[in-house]
């Protein structure tokens, strides 16, 4: 089962940017579809973005489409989430997710905050 560690969270001003990284270990990274979810205080965890193992397809939640970009580097076993034009509503703990043929994994989360 793959292990995931997120990094890159922090505080950004409204309209600013953050780049999250998720490093994977313990599995064949290129076999996994990868995604990002987020959870704000008092809210359910929600889907943000996903990228297929073959890198050819990406998917986004409607409220981040055009502002966030998911990418992956299979040589570095890492998936990224570039977040631009941040708003207060983007403030949440961001979780990395890996979906394989036989197993799924979550990272521990990293806080990403947009401020006014």
N, C-alpha and C. Protein backbone atom coordinates (compact mmCIF):
# COMPACT_ATOMS: atom_id res chain seq x y z
N UNK A 1 0.84 -1.19 0.00
CA UNK A 1 0.00 0.00 0.00
C UNK A 1 0.88 1.25 0.00
N UNK A 2 0.52 2.20 -0.81
CA UNK A 2 1.35 3.39 -0.93
C UNK A 2 1.13 4.32 0.26
N UNK A 3 2.19 4.98 0.71
CA UNK A 3 2.12 5.98 1.77
C UNK A 3 2.26 7.36 1.14
N UNK A 4 1.49 8.31 1.66
CA UNK A 4 1.44 9.65 1.06
C UNK A 4 1.76 10.71 2.10
N UNK A 5 2.59 11.67 1.71
CA UNK A 5 2.94 12.78 2.59
C UNK A 5 2.79 14.09 1.82
N UNK A 6 1.86 14.93 2.31
CA UNK A 6 1.64 16.22 1.66
C UNK A 6 2.57 17.29 2.24
N UNK A 7 2.82 18.31 1.45
CA UNK A 7 3.59 19.46 1.90
C UNK A 7 3.21 20.66 1.04
N UNK A 8 3.65 21.84 1.47
CA UNK A 8 3.45 23.04 0.67
C UNK A 8 2.28 23.90 1.08
N UNK A 9 1.56 23.49 2.11
CA UNK A 9 0.45 24.32 2.56
C UNK A 9 0.95 25.58 3.23
N UNK A 10 0.05 26.51 3.46
CA UNK A 10 0.42 27.76 4.12
C UNK A 10 -0.66 28.79 3.94
N UNK A 11 -0.25 30.03 4.11
CA UNK A 11 -1.18 31.15 4.04
C UNK A 11 -0.87 31.97 2.80
N UNK A 12 -1.89 32.26 2.04
CA UNK A 12 -1.72 33.10 0.86
C UNK A 12 -2.81 34.16 0.85
N UNK A 13 -2.50 35.32 0.35
CA UNK A 13 -3.50 36.39 0.26
C UNK A 13 -4.49 36.07 -0.85
N UNK A 14 -5.66 36.65 -0.74
CA UNK A 14 -6.67 36.48 -1.78
C UNK A 14 -6.07 36.87 -3.12
N UNK A 15 -6.27 36.00 -4.07
CA UNK A 15 -5.68 36.23 -5.38
C UNK A 15 -4.29 35.64 -5.54
N UNK A 16 -3.75 35.14 -4.44
CA UNK A 16 -2.42 34.57 -4.46
C UNK A 16 -2.42 33.11 -4.87
N UNK A 17 -1.25 32.49 -4.69
CA UNK A 17 -1.07 31.10 -5.13
C UNK A 17 -0.38 30.27 -4.06
N UNK A 18 -0.66 28.99 -4.10
CA UNK A 18 0.05 28.00 -3.31
C UNK A 18 0.25 26.77 -4.18
N UNK A 19 1.32 26.05 -3.92
CA UNK A 19 1.55 24.80 -4.62
C UNK A 19 1.72 23.70 -3.59
N UNK A 20 0.83 22.73 -3.66
CA UNK A 20 0.89 21.58 -2.77
C UNK A 20 1.60 20.43 -3.49
N UNK A 21 2.33 19.66 -2.69
CA UNK A 21 2.99 18.47 -3.21
C UNK A 21 2.57 17.27 -2.38
N UNK A 22 2.57 16.12 -3.00
CA UNK A 22 2.26 14.87 -2.30
C UNK A 22 3.26 13.83 -2.77
N UNK A 23 4.12 13.41 -1.87
CA UNK A 23 5.13 12.42 -2.20
C UNK A 23 4.65 11.04 -1.80
N UNK A 24 4.79 10.10 -2.70
CA UNK A 24 4.33 8.73 -2.47
C UNK A 24 5.51 7.79 -2.30
N UNK A 25 5.31 6.79 -1.48
CA UNK A 25 6.34 5.77 -1.28
C UNK A 25 5.67 4.44 -0.97
N UNK A 26 6.39 3.37 -1.19
CA UNK A 26 5.91 2.05 -0.80
C UNK A 26 5.05 1.35 -1.83
N UNK A 27 4.92 1.95 -2.99
CA UNK A 27 4.13 1.31 -4.03
C UNK A 27 4.62 1.75 -5.39
N UNK A 28 4.03 1.22 -6.43
CA UNK A 28 4.37 1.63 -7.80
C UNK A 28 3.49 2.82 -8.15
N UNK A 29 4.06 4.01 -8.00
CA UNK A 29 3.28 5.25 -8.10
C UNK A 29 2.53 5.34 -9.41
N UNK A 30 3.15 4.92 -10.49
CA UNK A 30 2.53 5.07 -11.80
C UNK A 30 1.30 4.19 -11.98
N UNK A 31 1.07 3.25 -11.06
CA UNK A 31 -0.12 2.40 -11.13
C UNK A 31 -1.35 3.06 -10.50
N UNK A 32 -1.12 4.17 -9.79
CA UNK A 32 -2.20 4.78 -9.01
C UNK A 32 -2.78 6.00 -9.71
N UNK A 33 -4.11 6.08 -9.70
CA UNK A 33 -4.77 7.34 -9.99
C UNK A 33 -4.66 8.19 -8.73
N UNK A 34 -4.39 9.48 -8.91
CA UNK A 34 -4.15 10.36 -7.77
C UNK A 34 -5.17 11.49 -7.73
N UNK A 35 -5.45 11.94 -6.53
CA UNK A 35 -6.41 13.02 -6.40
C UNK A 35 -6.13 13.90 -5.18
N UNK A 36 -6.80 15.03 -5.16
CA UNK A 36 -6.78 15.95 -4.03
C UNK A 36 -8.21 16.17 -3.57
N UNK A 37 -8.38 16.14 -2.26
CA UNK A 37 -9.65 16.47 -1.63
C UNK A 37 -9.36 17.56 -0.60
N UNK A 38 -10.41 18.20 -0.12
CA UNK A 38 -10.22 19.18 0.93
C UNK A 38 -11.39 19.14 1.90
N UNK A 39 -11.10 19.60 3.10
CA UNK A 39 -12.14 19.63 4.13
C UNK A 39 -11.99 20.90 4.94
N UNK A 40 -13.01 21.73 4.89
CA UNK A 40 -13.06 22.95 5.68
C UNK A 40 -13.75 22.67 7.01
N UNK A 41 -13.49 23.48 8.03
CA UNK A 41 -14.12 23.25 9.34
C UNK A 41 -15.63 23.17 9.23
N UNK A 42 -16.19 22.12 9.81
CA UNK A 42 -17.64 21.96 9.83
C UNK A 42 -18.25 21.48 8.54
N UNK A 43 -17.41 21.14 7.57
CA UNK A 43 -17.92 20.70 6.27
C UNK A 43 -17.43 19.29 5.95
N UNK A 44 -18.10 18.67 4.98
CA UNK A 44 -17.70 17.35 4.52
C UNK A 44 -16.43 17.47 3.67
N UNK A 45 -15.68 16.38 3.63
CA UNK A 45 -14.54 16.35 2.72
C UNK A 45 -15.07 16.34 1.29
N UNK A 46 -14.45 17.14 0.43
CA UNK A 46 -14.95 17.25 -0.93
C UNK A 46 -13.84 17.06 -1.96
N UNK A 47 -14.23 16.60 -3.11
CA UNK A 47 -13.31 16.38 -4.21
C UNK A 47 -12.82 17.72 -4.75
N UNK A 48 -11.53 17.77 -5.09
CA UNK A 48 -10.95 18.97 -5.69
C UNK A 48 -10.47 18.68 -7.11
N UNK A 49 -9.60 17.68 -7.25
CA UNK A 49 -9.03 17.40 -8.57
C UNK A 49 -8.48 15.98 -8.58
N UNK A 50 -8.35 15.42 -9.78
CA UNK A 50 -7.80 14.08 -9.92
C UNK A 50 -7.05 13.97 -11.23
N UNK A 51 -6.12 13.03 -11.27
CA UNK A 51 -5.34 12.79 -12.48
C UNK A 51 -5.13 11.29 -12.61
N UNK A 52 -5.33 10.79 -13.81
CA UNK A 52 -5.19 9.36 -14.03
C UNK A 52 -3.72 8.94 -14.01
N UNK A 53 -3.51 7.66 -13.83
CA UNK A 53 -2.16 7.14 -13.75
C UNK A 53 -1.37 7.39 -15.03
N UNK A 54 -2.09 7.42 -16.16
CA UNK A 54 -1.41 7.62 -17.44
C UNK A 54 -1.19 9.09 -17.76
N UNK A 55 -1.60 9.98 -16.86
CA UNK A 55 -1.41 11.43 -16.95
C UNK A 55 -2.27 12.08 -18.04
N UNK A 56 -2.96 11.28 -18.82
CA UNK A 56 -3.66 11.86 -19.96
C UNK A 56 -4.95 12.58 -19.59
N UNK A 57 -5.54 12.22 -18.45
CA UNK A 57 -6.83 12.81 -18.10
C UNK A 57 -6.78 13.46 -16.73
N UNK A 58 -7.36 14.64 -16.63
CA UNK A 58 -7.49 15.34 -15.36
C UNK A 58 -8.95 15.74 -15.15
N UNK A 59 -9.32 15.89 -13.90
CA UNK A 59 -10.70 16.20 -13.54
C UNK A 59 -10.68 17.24 -12.42
N UNK A 60 -11.66 18.14 -12.44
CA UNK A 60 -11.71 19.21 -11.45
C UNK A 60 -13.13 19.43 -10.95
N UNK A 61 -13.22 19.82 -9.69
CA UNK A 61 -14.49 20.32 -9.17
C UNK A 61 -14.80 21.63 -9.86
N UNK A 62 -16.07 21.92 -10.02
CA UNK A 62 -16.48 23.12 -10.75
C UNK A 62 -15.91 24.39 -10.13
N UNK A 63 -15.84 24.46 -8.82
CA UNK A 63 -15.44 25.72 -8.20
C UNK A 63 -13.93 25.96 -8.22
N UNK A 64 -13.15 25.01 -8.70
CA UNK A 64 -11.71 25.24 -8.81
C UNK A 64 -11.26 25.21 -10.27
N UNK A 65 -12.15 24.82 -11.16
CA UNK A 65 -11.79 24.70 -12.58
C UNK A 65 -11.32 26.05 -13.10
N UNK A 66 -10.18 26.05 -13.76
CA UNK A 66 -9.62 27.28 -14.29
C UNK A 66 -8.69 27.99 -13.32
N UNK A 67 -8.70 27.57 -12.05
CA UNK A 67 -7.83 28.20 -11.03
C UNK A 67 -6.79 27.23 -10.50
N UNK A 68 -7.17 25.95 -10.40
CA UNK A 68 -6.27 24.93 -9.86
C UNK A 68 -5.81 24.02 -10.99
N UNK A 69 -4.59 23.52 -10.86
CA UNK A 69 -4.05 22.58 -11.83
C UNK A 69 -3.39 21.41 -11.12
N UNK A 70 -3.83 20.21 -11.45
CA UNK A 70 -3.22 19.01 -10.90
C UNK A 70 -2.23 18.47 -11.92
N UNK A 71 -1.11 17.98 -11.42
CA UNK A 71 -0.11 17.38 -12.30
C UNK A 71 0.63 16.31 -11.50
N UNK A 72 1.38 15.51 -12.20
CA UNK A 72 2.15 14.47 -11.53
C UNK A 72 3.46 14.25 -12.26
N UNK A 73 4.44 13.81 -11.49
CA UNK A 73 5.73 13.44 -12.05
C UNK A 73 5.99 12.01 -11.59
N UNK A 74 5.74 11.06 -12.48
CA UNK A 74 5.88 9.66 -12.10
C UNK A 74 7.32 9.29 -11.79
N UNK A 75 8.27 10.01 -12.35
CA UNK A 75 9.68 9.74 -12.06
C UNK A 75 10.05 10.16 -10.63
N UNK A 76 9.30 11.13 -10.10
CA UNK A 76 9.56 11.61 -8.74
C UNK A 76 8.54 11.10 -7.73
N UNK A 77 7.60 10.27 -8.19
CA UNK A 77 6.57 9.73 -7.31
C UNK A 77 5.81 10.83 -6.58
N UNK A 78 5.49 11.89 -7.30
CA UNK A 78 4.89 13.06 -6.67
C UNK A 78 3.74 13.59 -7.52
N UNK A 79 2.70 14.01 -6.82
CA UNK A 79 1.58 14.70 -7.46
C UNK A 79 1.51 16.10 -6.88
N UNK A 80 1.12 17.05 -7.71
CA UNK A 80 1.10 18.46 -7.33
C UNK A 80 -0.29 19.04 -7.50
N UNK A 81 -0.56 20.07 -6.73
CA UNK A 81 -1.77 20.86 -6.94
C UNK A 81 -1.36 22.33 -6.91
N UNK A 82 -1.37 22.95 -8.07
CA UNK A 82 -1.10 24.38 -8.18
C UNK A 82 -2.41 25.12 -8.00
N UNK A 83 -2.46 25.97 -7.00
CA UNK A 83 -3.68 26.69 -6.68
C UNK A 83 -3.44 28.18 -6.91
N UNK A 84 -4.14 28.74 -7.86
CA UNK A 84 -4.02 30.16 -8.19
C UNK A 84 -5.35 30.88 -7.91
N UNK A 85 -5.28 32.19 -7.85
CA UNK A 85 -6.47 33.02 -7.61
C UNK A 85 -7.23 32.53 -6.37
N UNK A 86 -6.50 32.32 -5.31
CA UNK A 86 -7.09 31.78 -4.08
C UNK A 86 -8.10 32.74 -3.48
N UNK A 87 -9.10 32.16 -2.85
CA UNK A 87 -10.11 32.92 -2.12
C UNK A 87 -10.23 32.36 -0.71
N UNK A 88 -10.96 33.08 0.13
CA UNK A 88 -11.20 32.60 1.49
C UNK A 88 -11.88 31.24 1.48
N UNK A 89 -12.72 31.02 0.47
CA UNK A 89 -13.47 29.77 0.40
C UNK A 89 -12.57 28.56 0.09
N UNK A 90 -11.36 28.81 -0.31
CA UNK A 90 -10.41 27.72 -0.56
C UNK A 90 -9.70 27.26 0.70
N UNK A 91 -9.93 27.94 1.80
CA UNK A 91 -9.27 27.59 3.05
C UNK A 91 -9.78 26.25 3.55
N UNK A 92 -8.86 25.31 3.71
CA UNK A 92 -9.23 23.95 4.11
C UNK A 92 -7.96 23.16 4.38
N UNK A 93 -8.16 21.97 4.94
CA UNK A 93 -7.08 21.00 4.96
C UNK A 93 -7.18 20.20 3.66
N UNK A 94 -6.07 20.12 2.96
CA UNK A 94 -6.02 19.44 1.67
C UNK A 94 -5.39 18.07 1.84
N UNK A 95 -6.07 17.07 1.32
CA UNK A 95 -5.64 15.69 1.44
C UNK A 95 -5.30 15.10 0.07
N UNK A 96 -4.23 14.40 0.03
CA UNK A 96 -3.84 13.65 -1.16
C UNK A 96 -4.46 12.26 -1.08
N UNK A 97 -4.84 11.73 -2.22
CA UNK A 97 -5.52 10.43 -2.27
C UNK A 97 -4.95 9.61 -3.42
N UNK A 98 -4.71 8.34 -3.15
CA UNK A 98 -4.23 7.42 -4.18
C UNK A 98 -5.21 6.28 -4.32
N UNK A 99 -5.59 5.99 -5.55
CA UNK A 99 -6.50 4.87 -5.81
C UNK A 99 -5.83 3.87 -6.74
N UNK A 100 -5.60 2.69 -6.19
CA UNK A 100 -5.01 1.63 -6.99
C UNK A 100 -6.03 0.56 -7.32
N UNK A 101 -5.58 -0.48 -7.99
CA UNK A 101 -6.48 -1.57 -8.37
C UNK A 101 -7.01 -2.31 -7.15
N UNK A 102 -6.18 -2.40 -6.10
CA UNK A 102 -6.55 -3.20 -4.93
C UNK A 102 -6.50 -2.43 -3.62
N UNK A 103 -6.07 -1.19 -3.63
CA UNK A 103 -5.94 -0.46 -2.38
C UNK A 103 -6.06 1.04 -2.61
N UNK A 104 -6.42 1.74 -1.54
CA UNK A 104 -6.52 3.20 -1.56
C UNK A 104 -5.77 3.75 -0.36
N UNK A 105 -5.26 4.95 -0.50
CA UNK A 105 -4.54 5.58 0.61
C UNK A 105 -4.84 7.06 0.69
N UNK A 106 -4.78 7.57 1.91
CA UNK A 106 -4.91 9.00 2.16
C UNK A 106 -3.65 9.53 2.81
N UNK A 107 -3.31 10.77 2.51
CA UNK A 107 -2.27 11.45 3.24
C UNK A 107 -2.82 12.03 4.53
N UNK A 108 -1.93 12.65 5.32
CA UNK A 108 -2.34 13.18 6.61
C UNK A 108 -2.95 14.58 6.50
N UNK A 109 -2.79 15.20 5.37
CA UNK A 109 -3.39 16.51 5.14
C UNK A 109 -2.42 17.65 5.36
N UNK A 110 -2.65 18.74 4.64
CA UNK A 110 -1.86 19.95 4.82
C UNK A 110 -2.81 21.15 4.72
N UNK A 111 -2.60 22.14 5.57
CA UNK A 111 -3.51 23.28 5.63
C UNK A 111 -3.18 24.27 4.53
N UNK A 112 -4.20 24.62 3.77
CA UNK A 112 -4.05 25.66 2.76
C UNK A 112 -5.05 26.75 3.07
N UNK A 113 -4.60 27.96 3.17
CA UNK A 113 -5.47 29.05 3.61
C UNK A 113 -5.35 30.25 2.71
N UNK A 114 -6.49 30.76 2.27
CA UNK A 114 -6.53 32.01 1.55
C UNK A 114 -7.04 33.09 2.50
N UNK A 115 -6.40 34.21 2.53
CA UNK A 115 -6.81 35.28 3.43
C UNK A 115 -7.23 36.51 2.62
N UNK A 116 -8.01 37.36 3.28
CA UNK A 116 -8.47 38.58 2.60
C UNK A 116 -7.41 39.65 2.64
